[in-house]
Amino acid sequence: MRKIILFAILVSLIQGVFAANFWEPLRAIPEIAVVINPIIIWLLFLVSLSILIISALAFNKKRSQQLFFVTIAFIFLFLKSSLNLVDFYFSPGYFMNFAVQGIFDFVVMLSLLLAIFRK
């Protein structure tokens, strides 16, 4: 019985030590993200535009259901990045919060899932 109690105390002490120190190196990440956010927003916009153009050209060349759903996914990815760009520069508040971005992500994932399972 003493071994079990000693083990429980040891585990709780080790857990407390690791929990306190584990998050410390991660505290710098949000600060870095705030600094590079404008660059990332523009890069996402340009990459999503490029992927959308490539997907639309591929769909125009070979019309298939898979390419249709992939193009739909990239349209929503481009819309999301466009709204993030507008939100960053022109919005008084953040209307592109996590919930709204989650809806865009869900539509993108659903579209890609449909593209995978269509024949």
Protein backbone atom coordinates (compact mmCIF):
# COMPACT_ATOMS: atom_id res chain seq x y z
CA MET A 1 0.00 0.00 0.00
CA ARG A 2 2.88 2.36 0.80
CA LYS A 3 4.33 1.76 -2.65
CA ILE A 4 1.07 2.83 -4.31
CA ILE A 5 0.84 5.99 -2.21
CA LEU A 6 4.51 6.79 -2.84
CA PHE A 7 4.03 6.21 -6.56
CA ALA A 8 0.97 8.50 -6.64
CA ILE A 9 2.86 11.26 -4.82
CA LEU A 10 5.85 10.87 -7.14
CA VAL A 11 3.66 11.01 -10.25
CA SER A 12 1.84 14.13 -9.03
CA LEU A 13 5.14 15.87 -8.24
CA ILE A 14 6.66 15.00 -11.61
CA GLN A 15 3.49 16.11 -13.38
CA GLY A 16 3.55 19.45 -11.57
CA VAL A 17 7.20 20.09 -12.47
CA PHE A 18 6.71 19.25 -16.15
CA ALA A 19 3.44 21.20 -16.44
CA ALA A 20 5.03 24.38 -15.07
CA ASN A 21 8.02 24.26 -17.39
CA PHE A 22 6.43 22.77 -20.47
CA TRP A 23 4.58 25.93 -21.60
CA GLU A 24 7.41 28.36 -20.95
CA PRO A 25 9.20 27.97 -24.34
CA LEU A 26 5.86 28.25 -26.15
CA ARG A 27 5.11 31.74 -24.80
CA ALA A 28 7.21 33.40 -27.51
CA ILE A 29 5.18 31.91 -30.37
CA PRO A 30 2.17 34.31 -30.09
CA GLU A 31 4.52 37.28 -29.97
CA ILE A 32 6.32 36.12 -33.11
CA ALA A 33 2.97 35.41 -34.80
CA VAL A 34 1.79 38.99 -34.22
CA VAL A 35 4.94 40.36 -35.82
CA ILE A 36 4.83 38.19 -38.95
CA ASN A 37 1.02 38.21 -39.33
CA PRO A 38 0.90 40.76 -42.22
CA ILE A 39 3.47 38.77 -44.18
CA ILE A 40 1.63 35.49 -43.59
CA ILE A 41 -1.72 37.01 -44.59
CA TRP A 42 -0.29 38.23 -47.91
CA LEU A 43 1.49 34.91 -48.56
CA LEU A 44 -1.69 32.95 -47.89
CA PHE A 45 -3.63 35.25 -50.20
CA LEU A 46 -1.11 34.84 -53.04
CA VAL A 47 -0.75 31.09 -52.61
CA SER A 48 -4.52 30.53 -52.44
CA LEU A 49 -5.01 32.68 -55.54
CA SER A 50 -2.35 30.70 -57.40
CA ILE A 51 -3.84 27.36 -56.39
CA LEU A 52 -7.30 28.55 -57.36
CA ILE A 53 -6.11 29.62 -60.81
CA ILE A 54 -4.33 26.30 -61.37
CA SER A 55 -7.39 24.37 -60.21
CA ALA A 56 -9.75 26.40 -62.39
CA LEU A 57 -7.52 25.86 -65.44
CA ALA A 58 -7.38 22.13 -64.73
CA PHE A 59 -11.15 21.98 -64.34
CA ASN A 60 -11.61 23.94 -67.57
CA LYS A 61 -9.35 21.48 -69.39
CA LYS A 62 -10.81 18.28 -67.96
CA ARG A 63 -14.29 18.62 -66.52
CA SER A 64 -14.75 16.01 -63.83
CA GLN A 65 -16.57 15.86 -60.52
CA GLN A 66 -13.31 15.48 -58.61
CA LEU A 67 -11.83 18.63 -60.10
CA PHE A 68 -15.12 20.45 -59.54
CA PHE A 69 -15.03 19.74 -55.80
CA VAL A 70 -11.32 20.54 -55.59
CA THR A 71 -11.98 23.86 -57.31
CA ILE A 72 -14.85 24.57 -54.89
CA ALA A 73 -12.46 23.88 -51.99
CA PHE A 74 -9.89 26.29 -53.38
CA ILE A 75 -12.56 28.93 -54.01
CA PHE A 76 -13.45 28.83 -50.31
CA LEU A 77 -9.78 28.83 -49.34
CA PHE A 78 -9.29 31.95 -51.49
CA LEU A 79 -12.41 33.58 -50.01
CA LYS A 80 -11.14 32.89 -46.51
CA SER A 81 -7.73 34.40 -47.24
CA SER A 82 -9.33 37.39 -48.98
CA LEU A 83 -11.61 38.07 -46.04
CA ASN A 84 -8.66 37.70 -43.65
CA LEU A 85 -6.80 40.31 -45.69
CA VAL A 86 -9.76 42.69 -45.68
CA ASP A 87 -10.32 42.04 -41.99
CA PHE A 88 -6.71 42.79 -41.14
CA TYR A 89 -6.49 46.11 -43.00
CA PHE A 90 -10.02 47.53 -43.11
CA SER A 91 -12.10 46.08 -40.31
CA PRO A 92 -12.54 47.92 -37.03
CA GLY A 93 -12.79 44.54 -35.27
CA TYR A 94 -12.12 40.95 -36.04
CA PHE A 95 -15.13 39.61 -37.93
CA MET A 96 -13.01 36.69 -39.15
CA ASN A 97 -12.85 35.02 -35.76
CA PHE A 98 -12.10 31.36 -35.15
CA ALA A 99 -15.74 30.35 -35.59
CA VAL A 100 -16.05 31.96 -39.03
CA GLN A 101 -12.70 30.55 -40.11
CA GLY A 102 -13.83 27.16 -38.85
CA ILE A 103 -16.85 27.30 -41.16
CA PHE A 104 -14.59 28.02 -44.14
CA ASP A 105 -12.24 25.21 -43.11
CA PHE A 106 -15.18 22.83 -42.77
CA VAL A 107 -16.44 23.65 -46.30
CA VAL A 108 -12.92 23.18 -47.70
CA MET A 109 -12.49 19.82 -45.97
CA LEU A 110 -15.97 18.67 -46.97
CA SER A 111 -15.32 19.62 -50.58
CA LEU A 112 -12.00 17.76 -50.60
CA LEU A 113 -13.67 14.75 -48.98
CA LEU A 114 -16.34 14.75 -51.69
CA ALA A 115 -13.62 15.00 -54.33
CA ILE A 116 -11.91 11.94 -52.91
CA PHE A 117 -15.06 9.79 -52.86
CA ARG A 118 -16.55 10.84 -56.24
CA LYS A 119 -15.93 8.67 -59.28
